[in-house]
Amino acid sequence: GDNNLCHASFSFDASVHDLFPPLTAGACVHVIPADMRQDMMMLYDYILASHITGSTISTQFWLEMINQFELPLKYMLVGGEKMFSVKKRNLKIVNGYGPTEFTVCSDYHIVDQEKDTNNIPIGRPVPNSWSYILDDKQQLLPAGVAGELCLAGPQIAMGYWRREELTAERFLPNPYSSGPINDKLYRTGDLVRWRSDGLIEYLGRIDTQVKLRGFRIELGE
């Protein structure tokens, strides 16, 4: 059977993906100690010794590993940062996207290692979720036009703890709602556009937020 590596700490929502889907599918989950998470050599040795078949790892850490080692994996879900390129490997690579406010993934793309050579898209919405690309007046934008990615679905957060103003700014009534399942909209602050093939391409931020090894940093703070 499969052996899935839980690389994320329990405080990171990616751990949900590494724990529950493998267990419900009958796979074995390997929870590694904290000191192994950032030690590539130690992690590589563990992957070999434990016959690990898949995991979820932050994008830049994954790119460093795949450039240094031949990993005997079946699949890998990466996310947390923009994915520019990938070294061709004999495994399924999924580029996942999903902010903490929309646990765990809202969009995903199975990387085509022959065609996806530069700005790899974040793909399409996962089942039972909605992704909208809107302008500053909350109007839907056509393919090729950049706008803010807004999300809706049952996995959306209630808001920010004791930050009513920020909650009101980021969580809005969904003007395109089809019912209670998607009646609330989350503004991600991410700048994206629809490609002509129906995939979403990540372009950057509409504010000054940056990411470092998957962690969001507000430069204004």
C-alpha atoms as a PDB file:
ATOM      1  CA  GLY A   1       0.000   0.000   0.000  1.00  0.00           C
ATOM      2  CA  ASP A   2       0.907   3.673  -0.147  1.00  0.00           C
ATOM      3  CA  ASN A   3       2.951   5.451   2.508  1.00  0.00           C
ATOM      4  CA  ASN A   4       2.170   9.153   2.789  1.00  0.00           C
ATOM      5  CA  LEU A   5       4.589  11.536   4.487  1.00  0.00           C
ATOM      6  CA  CYS A   6       3.070  14.233   6.718  1.00  0.00           C
ATOM      7  CA  HIS A   7       5.686  16.945   6.202  1.00  0.00           C
ATOM      8  CA  ALA A   8       3.626  19.877   7.491  1.00  0.00           C
ATOM      9  CA  SER A   9       3.258  20.727  11.165  1.00  0.00           C
ATOM     10  CA  PHE A  10      -0.190  20.300  12.695  1.00  0.00           C
ATOM     11  CA  SER A  11      -0.602  24.102  12.877  1.00  0.00           C
ATOM     12  CA  PHE A  12      -0.446  24.283   9.064  1.00  0.00           C
ATOM     13  CA  ASP A  13      -3.662  23.369   7.252  1.00  0.00           C
ATOM     14  CA  ALA A  14      -1.719  21.330   4.673  1.00  0.00           C
ATOM     15  CA  SER A  15      -1.376  18.667   7.370  1.00  0.00           C
ATOM     16  CA  VAL A  16      -5.112  17.981   6.968  1.00  0.00           C
ATOM     17  CA  HIS A  17      -4.445  16.832   3.414  1.00  0.00           C
ATOM     18  CA  ASP A  18      -1.544  14.637   4.514  1.00  0.00           C
ATOM     19  CA  LEU A  19      -3.470  12.969   7.331  1.00  0.00           C
ATOM     20  CA  PHE A  20      -7.102  12.284   6.534  1.00  0.00           C
ATOM     21  CA  PRO A  21      -7.336  11.495   2.779  1.00  0.00           C
ATOM     22  CA  PRO A  22      -4.542   8.866   2.961  1.00  0.00           C
ATOM     23  CA  LEU A  23      -6.020   7.281   6.091  1.00  0.00           C
ATOM     24  CA  THR A  24      -9.528   7.100   4.632  1.00  0.00           C
ATOM     25  CA  ALA A  25      -8.064   5.491   1.485  1.00  0.00           C
ATOM     26  CA  GLY A  26      -6.226   2.825   3.485  1.00  0.00           C
ATOM     27  CA  ALA A  27      -2.708   4.267   3.233  1.00  0.00           C
ATOM     28  CA  CYS A  28      -0.159   4.536   6.025  1.00  0.00           C
ATOM     29  CA  VAL A  29       0.715   8.044   7.293  1.00  0.00           C
ATOM     30  CA  HIS A  30       4.232   8.850   8.508  1.00  0.00           C
ATOM     31  CA  VAL A  31       4.397  11.805  10.925  1.00  0.00           C
ATOM     32  CA  ILE A  32       8.001  13.001  11.045  1.00  0.00           C
ATOM     33  CA  PRO A  33       9.758  14.970  13.824  1.00  0.00           C
ATOM     34  CA  ALA A  34      10.217  18.723  13.475  1.00  0.00           C
ATOM     35  CA  ASP A  35      13.999  18.568  12.974  1.00  0.00           C
ATOM     36  CA  MET A  36      13.564  16.365   9.900  1.00  0.00           C
ATOM     37  CA  ARG A  37      11.231  18.761   8.077  1.00  0.00           C
ATOM     38  CA  GLN A  38      13.992  21.177   7.032  1.00  0.00           C
ATOM     39  CA  ASP A  39      16.873  18.700   6.742  1.00  0.00           C
ATOM     40  CA  MET A  40      16.789  17.522   3.123  1.00  0.00           C
ATOM     41  CA  MET A  41      19.367  14.780   3.531  1.00  0.00           C
ATOM     42  CA  MET A  42      17.643  13.330   6.585  1.00  0.00           C
ATOM     43  CA  LEU A  43      14.279  13.591   4.838  1.00  0.00           C
ATOM     44  CA  TYR A  44      15.598  11.934   1.688  1.00  0.00           C
ATOM     45  CA  ASP A  45      17.029   9.024   3.693  1.00  0.00           C
ATOM     46  CA  TYR A  46      13.693   8.593   5.471  1.00  0.00           C
ATOM     47  CA  ILE A  47      11.758   8.621   2.174  1.00  0.00           C
ATOM     48  CA  LEU A  48      13.971   5.815   0.865  1.00  0.00           C
ATOM     49  CA  ALA A  49      13.978   3.736   4.047  1.00  0.00           C
ATOM     50  CA  SER A  50      10.219   4.018   4.622  1.00  0.00           C
ATOM     51  CA  HIS A  51       9.171   3.553   0.976  1.00  0.00           C
ATOM     52  CA  ILE A  52       7.273   6.859   0.976  1.00  0.00           C
ATOM     53  CA  THR A  53       4.995   7.206  -2.058  1.00  0.00           C
ATOM     54  CA  GLY A  54       3.690  10.769  -1.667  1.00  0.00           C
ATOM     55  CA  SER A  55       3.394  13.932   0.399  1.00  0.00           C
ATOM     56  CA  THR A  56       2.438  17.615   0.471  1.00  0.00           C
ATOM     57  CA  ILE A  57       5.429  19.986   0.567  1.00  0.00           C
ATOM     58  CA  SER A  58       5.872  23.742   0.097  1.00  0.00           C
ATOM     59  CA  THR A  59       6.845  24.701  -3.445  1.00  0.00           C
ATOM     60  CA  GLN A  60      10.364  26.054  -2.930  1.00  0.00           C
ATOM     61  CA  PHE A  61      11.392  23.239  -0.576  1.00  0.00           C
ATOM     62  CA  TRP A  62      10.113  20.733  -3.122  1.00  0.00           C
ATOM     63  CA  LEU A  63      12.013  22.367  -5.999  1.00  0.00           C
ATOM     64  CA  GLU A  64      15.228  22.223  -3.979  1.00  0.00           C
ATOM     65  CA  MET A  65      14.685  18.546  -3.205  1.00  0.00           C
ATOM     66  CA  ILE A  66      13.770  17.532  -6.742  1.00  0.00           C
ATOM     67  CA  ASN A  67      16.862  19.284  -8.117  1.00  0.00           C
ATOM     68  CA  GLN A  68      19.146  17.437  -5.701  1.00  0.00           C
ATOM     69  CA  PHE A  69      17.630  13.964  -5.427  1.00  0.00           C
ATOM     70  CA  GLU A  70      15.914  11.278  -7.450  1.00  0.00           C
ATOM     71  CA  LEU A  71      12.786  10.715  -5.372  1.00  0.00           C
ATOM     72  CA  PRO A  72      11.053   7.316  -5.760  1.00  0.00           C
ATOM     73  CA  LEU A  73       7.566   8.767  -5.289  1.00  0.00           C
ATOM     74  CA  LYS A  74       4.248   8.218  -7.057  1.00  0.00           C
ATOM     75  CA  TYR A  75       2.807  11.671  -6.437  1.00  0.00           C
ATOM     76  CA  MET A  76       3.550  15.020  -4.831  1.00  0.00           C
ATOM     77  CA  LEU A  77       1.259  17.928  -3.993  1.00  0.00           C
ATOM     78  CA  VAL A  78       3.079  21.260  -3.793  1.00  0.00           C
ATOM     79  CA  GLY A  79       1.771  24.677  -2.836  1.00  0.00           C
ATOM     80  CA  GLY A  80       2.240  27.801  -0.778  1.00  0.00           C
ATOM     81  CA  GLU A  81       4.217  29.742  -3.391  1.00  0.00           C
ATOM     82  CA  LYS A  82       4.175  30.429  -7.108  1.00  0.00           C
ATOM     83  CA  MET A  83       5.521  27.528  -9.153  1.00  0.00           C
ATOM     84  CA  PHE A  84       7.678  28.614 -12.085  1.00  0.00           C
ATOM     85  CA  SER A  85       9.283  25.464 -13.410  1.00  0.00           C
ATOM     86  CA  VAL A  86       9.706  21.811 -12.635  1.00  0.00           C
ATOM     87  CA  LYS A  87      12.449  19.315 -13.326  1.00  0.00           C
ATOM     88  CA  LYS A  88      10.965  16.371 -15.194  1.00  0.00           C
ATOM     89  CA  ARG A  89      10.434  13.352 -12.971  1.00  0.00           C
ATOM     90  CA  ASN A  90       8.541  10.072 -13.243  1.00  0.00           C
ATOM     91  CA  LEU A  91       5.745  10.946 -10.805  1.00  0.00           C
ATOM     92  CA  LYS A  92       2.475  12.866 -10.689  1.00  0.00           C
ATOM     93  CA  ILE A  93       2.984  16.472  -9.543  1.00  0.00           C
ATOM     94  CA  VAL A  94      -0.020  18.520  -8.449  1.00  0.00           C
ATOM     95  CA  ASN A  95       0.275  22.291  -8.072  1.00  0.00           C
ATOM     96  CA  GLY A  96      -2.211  23.199  -5.355  1.00  0.00           C
ATOM     97  CA  TYR A  97      -3.532  26.598  -4.329  1.00  0.00           C
ATOM     98  CA  GLY A  98      -5.506  27.520  -1.238  1.00  0.00           C
ATOM     99  CA  PRO A  99      -5.176  30.218   1.427  1.00  0.00           C
ATOM    100  CA  THR A 100      -5.611  29.404   5.116  1.00  0.00           C
ATOM    101  CA  GLU A 101      -9.008  31.117   4.979  1.00  0.00           C
ATOM    102  CA  PHE A 102     -10.189  28.425   2.550  1.00  0.00           C
ATOM    103  CA  THR A 103      -8.946  25.120   3.960  1.00  0.00           C
ATOM    104  CA  VAL A 104      -7.209  23.262   2.350  1.00  0.00           C
ATOM    105  CA  CYS A 105      -7.095  23.653  -1.449  1.00  0.00           C
ATOM    106  CA  SER A 106      -9.430  25.742  -3.577  1.00  0.00           C
ATOM    107  CA  ASP A 107      -7.742  25.085  -6.935  1.00  0.00           C
ATOM    108  CA  TYR A 108      -5.340  22.525  -8.338  1.00  0.00           C
ATOM    109  CA  HIS A 109      -3.477  21.620 -11.515  1.00  0.00           C
ATOM    110  CA  ILE A 110      -1.904  18.298 -12.458  1.00  0.00           C
ATOM    111  CA  VAL A 111       1.384  19.438 -13.954  1.00  0.00           C
ATOM    112  CA  ASP A 112       2.045  18.446 -17.551  1.00  0.00           C
ATOM    113  CA  GLN A 113       5.793  17.932 -17.388  1.00  0.00           C
ATOM    114  CA  GLU A 114       6.088  18.188 -21.176  1.00  0.00           C
ATOM    115  CA  LYS A 115       4.179  21.465 -21.601  1.00  0.00           C
ATOM    116  CA  ASP A 116       4.255  23.281 -18.242  1.00  0.00           C
ATOM    117  CA  THR A 117       7.741  24.728 -18.409  1.00  0.00           C
ATOM    118  CA  ASN A 118       7.395  28.293 -17.147  1.00  0.00           C
ATOM    119  CA  ASN A 119       4.542  29.896 -15.186  1.00  0.00           C
ATOM    120  CA  ILE A 120       2.661  26.801 -14.073  1.00  0.00           C
ATOM    121  CA  PRO A 121      -1.073  27.492 -13.549  1.00  0.00           C
ATOM    122  CA  ILE A 122      -2.971  26.859 -10.335  1.00  0.00           C
ATOM    123  CA  GLY A 123      -5.623  25.187 -12.450  1.00  0.00           C
ATOM    124  CA  ARG A 124      -9.321  24.832 -11.760  1.00  0.00           C
ATOM    125  CA  PRO A 125     -11.507  24.828  -8.630  1.00  0.00           C
ATOM    126  CA  VAL A 126     -11.680  21.622  -6.632  1.00  0.00           C
ATOM    127  CA  PRO A 127     -15.130  19.981  -6.546  1.00  0.00           C
ATOM    128  CA  ASN A 128     -17.730  21.809  -4.475  1.00  0.00           C
ATOM    129  CA  SER A 129     -15.912  25.159  -4.548  1.00  0.00           C
ATOM    130  CA  TRP A 130     -16.064  28.263  -6.725  1.00  0.00           C
ATOM    131  CA  SER A 131     -13.313  30.560  -8.004  1.00  0.00           C
ATOM    132  CA  TYR A 132     -14.159  33.980  -9.429  1.00  0.00           C
ATOM    133  CA  ILE A 133     -11.847  36.533 -11.020  1.00  0.00           C
ATOM    134  CA  LEU A 134     -13.295  39.970 -10.307  1.00  0.00           C
ATOM    135  CA  ASP A 135     -12.465  43.623 -10.863  1.00  0.00           C
ATOM    136  CA  ASP A 136     -12.661  46.268  -8.119  1.00  0.00           C
ATOM    137  CA  LYS A 137     -16.433  46.539  -8.681  1.00  0.00           C
ATOM    138  CA  GLN A 138     -16.905  42.775  -8.220  1.00  0.00           C
ATOM    139  CA  GLN A 139     -17.629  42.237 -11.902  1.00  0.00           C
ATOM    140  CA  LEU A 140     -16.578  38.977 -13.558  1.00  0.00           C
ATOM    141  CA  LEU A 141     -13.591  39.303 -15.881  1.00  0.00           C
ATOM    142  CA  PRO A 142     -13.044  37.461 -19.184  1.00  0.00           C
ATOM    143  CA  ALA A 143     -10.067  35.299 -20.111  1.00  0.00           C
ATOM    144  CA  GLY A 144      -6.775  37.158 -20.318  1.00  0.00           C
ATOM    145  CA  VAL A 145      -7.796  40.061 -18.062  1.00  0.00           C
ATOM    146  CA  ALA A 146      -6.108  40.207 -14.658  1.00  0.00           C
ATOM    147  CA  GLY A 147      -8.202  40.586 -11.525  1.00  0.00           C
ATOM    148  CA  GLU A 148      -8.527  39.487  -7.912  1.00  0.00           C
ATOM    149  CA  LEU A 149      -9.176  35.832  -7.162  1.00  0.00           C
ATOM    150  CA  CYS A 150     -12.226  35.435  -4.930  1.00  0.00           C
ATOM    151  CA  LEU A 151     -13.360  32.115  -3.478  1.00  0.00           C
ATOM    152  CA  ALA A 152     -16.622  30.614  -2.266  1.00  0.00           C
ATOM    153  CA  GLY A 153     -17.622  27.243  -0.887  1.00  0.00           C
ATOM    154  CA  PRO A 154     -18.403  25.340   2.313  1.00  0.00           C
ATOM    155  CA  GLN A 155     -14.748  25.305   3.442  1.00  0.00           C
ATOM    156  CA  ILE A 156     -14.559  29.099   3.785  1.00  0.00           C
ATOM    157  CA  ALA A 157     -13.604  30.502   7.200  1.00  0.00           C
ATOM    158  CA  MET A 158     -16.042  32.388   9.423  1.00  0.00           C
ATOM    159  CA  GLY A 159     -13.668  35.356   9.612  1.00  0.00           C
ATOM    160  CA  TYR A 160     -10.708  36.642  11.626  1.00  0.00           C
ATOM    161  CA  TRP A 161     -10.695  36.281  15.401  1.00  0.00           C
ATOM    162  CA  ARG A 162     -11.483  39.648  17.011  1.00  0.00           C
ATOM    163  CA  ARG A 163     -10.697  41.569  13.799  1.00  0.00           C
ATOM    164  CA  GLU A 164     -14.122  42.713  12.699  1.00  0.00           C
ATOM    165  CA  GLU A 165     -12.905  45.389  10.271  1.00  0.00           C
ATOM    166  CA  LEU A 166     -10.577  43.025   8.421  1.00  0.00           C
ATOM    167  CA  THR A 167     -13.291  40.361   8.340  1.00  0.00           C
ATOM    168  CA  ALA A 168     -15.749  42.832   6.806  1.00  0.00           C
ATOM    169  CA  GLU A 169     -13.138  43.829   4.209  1.00  0.00           C
ATOM    170  CA  ARG A 170     -12.193  40.298   3.149  1.00  0.00           C
ATOM    171  CA  PHE A 171     -15.400  38.284   3.620  1.00  0.00           C
ATOM    172  CA  LEU A 172     -18.298  39.607   1.545  1.00  0.00           C
ATOM    173  CA  PRO A 173     -21.739  38.433   0.411  1.00  0.00           C
ATOM    174  CA  ASN A 174     -21.328  36.516  -2.843  1.00  0.00           C
ATOM    175  CA  PRO A 175     -23.242  38.288  -5.654  1.00  0.00           C
ATOM    176  CA  TYR A 176     -23.011  35.096  -7.737  1.00  0.00           C
ATOM    177  CA  SER A 177     -24.269  32.732  -5.040  1.00  0.00           C
ATOM    178  CA  SER A 178     -26.403  29.744  -5.995  1.00  0.00           C
ATOM    179  CA  GLY A 179     -27.476  29.084  -2.400  1.00  0.00           C
ATOM    180  CA  PRO A 180     -26.218  28.727   1.182  1.00  0.00           C
ATOM    181  CA  ILE A 181     -23.298  26.545   0.068  1.00  0.00           C
ATOM    182  CA  ASN A 182     -21.518  29.497  -1.573  1.00  0.00           C
ATOM    183  CA  ASP A 183     -23.254  32.606  -0.230  1.00  0.00           C
ATOM    184  CA  LYS A 184     -20.034  34.098   1.219  1.00  0.00           C
ATOM    185  CA  LEU A 185     -17.050  35.324  -0.800  1.00  0.00           C
ATOM    186  CA  TYR A 186     -13.431  35.524   0.327  1.00  0.00           C
ATOM    187  CA  ARG A 187     -11.159  38.097  -1.320  1.00  0.00           C
ATOM    188  CA  THR A 188      -7.697  36.518  -1.511  1.00  0.00           C
ATOM    189  CA  GLY A 189      -5.728  39.592  -2.618  1.00  0.00           C
ATOM    190  CA  ASP A 190      -4.076  37.439  -5.296  1.00  0.00           C
ATOM    191  CA  LEU A 191      -3.836  38.743  -8.852  1.00  0.00           C
ATOM    192  CA  VAL A 192      -4.748  36.084 -11.420  1.00  0.00           C
ATOM    193  CA  ARG A 193      -6.315  35.628 -14.839  1.00  0.00           C
ATOM    194  CA  TRP A 194      -8.165  32.966 -16.767  1.00  0.00           C
ATOM    195  CA  ARG A 195      -6.128  31.430 -19.557  1.00  0.00           C
ATOM    196  CA  SER A 196      -7.744  30.555 -22.877  1.00  0.00           C
ATOM    197  CA  ASP A 197      -7.670  26.862 -21.895  1.00  0.00           C
ATOM    198  CA  GLY A 198      -9.834  27.498 -18.815  1.00  0.00           C
ATOM    199  CA  LEU A 199      -7.010  27.331 -16.267  1.00  0.00           C
ATOM    200  CA  ILE A 200      -6.181  30.030 -13.718  1.00  0.00           C
ATOM    201  CA  GLU A 201      -2.737  31.618 -13.906  1.00  0.00           C
ATOM    202  CA  TYR A 202      -1.252  33.241 -10.803  1.00  0.00           C
ATOM    203  CA  LEU A 203       0.373  36.633 -11.474  1.00  0.00           C
ATOM    204  CA  GLY A 204       1.173  38.124  -8.063  1.00  0.00           C
ATOM    205  CA  ARG A 205      -0.445  40.242  -5.345  1.00  0.00           C
ATOM    206  CA  ILE A 206      -2.645  43.325  -5.448  1.00  0.00           C
ATOM    207  CA  ASP A 207      -1.000  44.517  -2.202  1.00  0.00           C
ATOM    208  CA  THR A 208       2.466  44.361  -0.583  1.00  0.00           C
ATOM    209  CA  GLN A 209       2.156  40.891   0.928  1.00  0.00           C
ATOM    210  CA  VAL A 210       5.055  38.543   0.163  1.00  0.00           C
ATOM    211  CA  LYS A 211       5.689  34.871   0.839  1.00  0.00           C
ATOM    212  CA  LEU A 212       8.825  33.326   2.299  1.00  0.00           C
ATOM    213  CA  ARG A 213       8.987  29.515   2.333  1.00  0.00           C
ATOM    214  CA  GLY A 214       5.191  29.407   2.279  1.00  0.00           C
ATOM    215  CA  PHE A 215       4.702  31.912   5.132  1.00  0.00           C
ATOM    216  CA  ARG A 216       2.701  35.064   4.404  1.00  0.00           C
ATOM    217  CA  ILE A 217       4.396  38.315   5.455  1.00  0.00           C
ATOM    218  CA  GLU A 218       2.689  41.716   5.492  1.00  0.00           C
ATOM    219  CA  LEU A 219       5.437  44.259   4.770  1.00  0.00           C
ATOM    220  CA  GLY A 220       3.318  47.059   6.245  1.00  0.00           C
ATOM    221  CA  GLU A 221       3.388  45.354   9.626  1.00  0.00           C
END
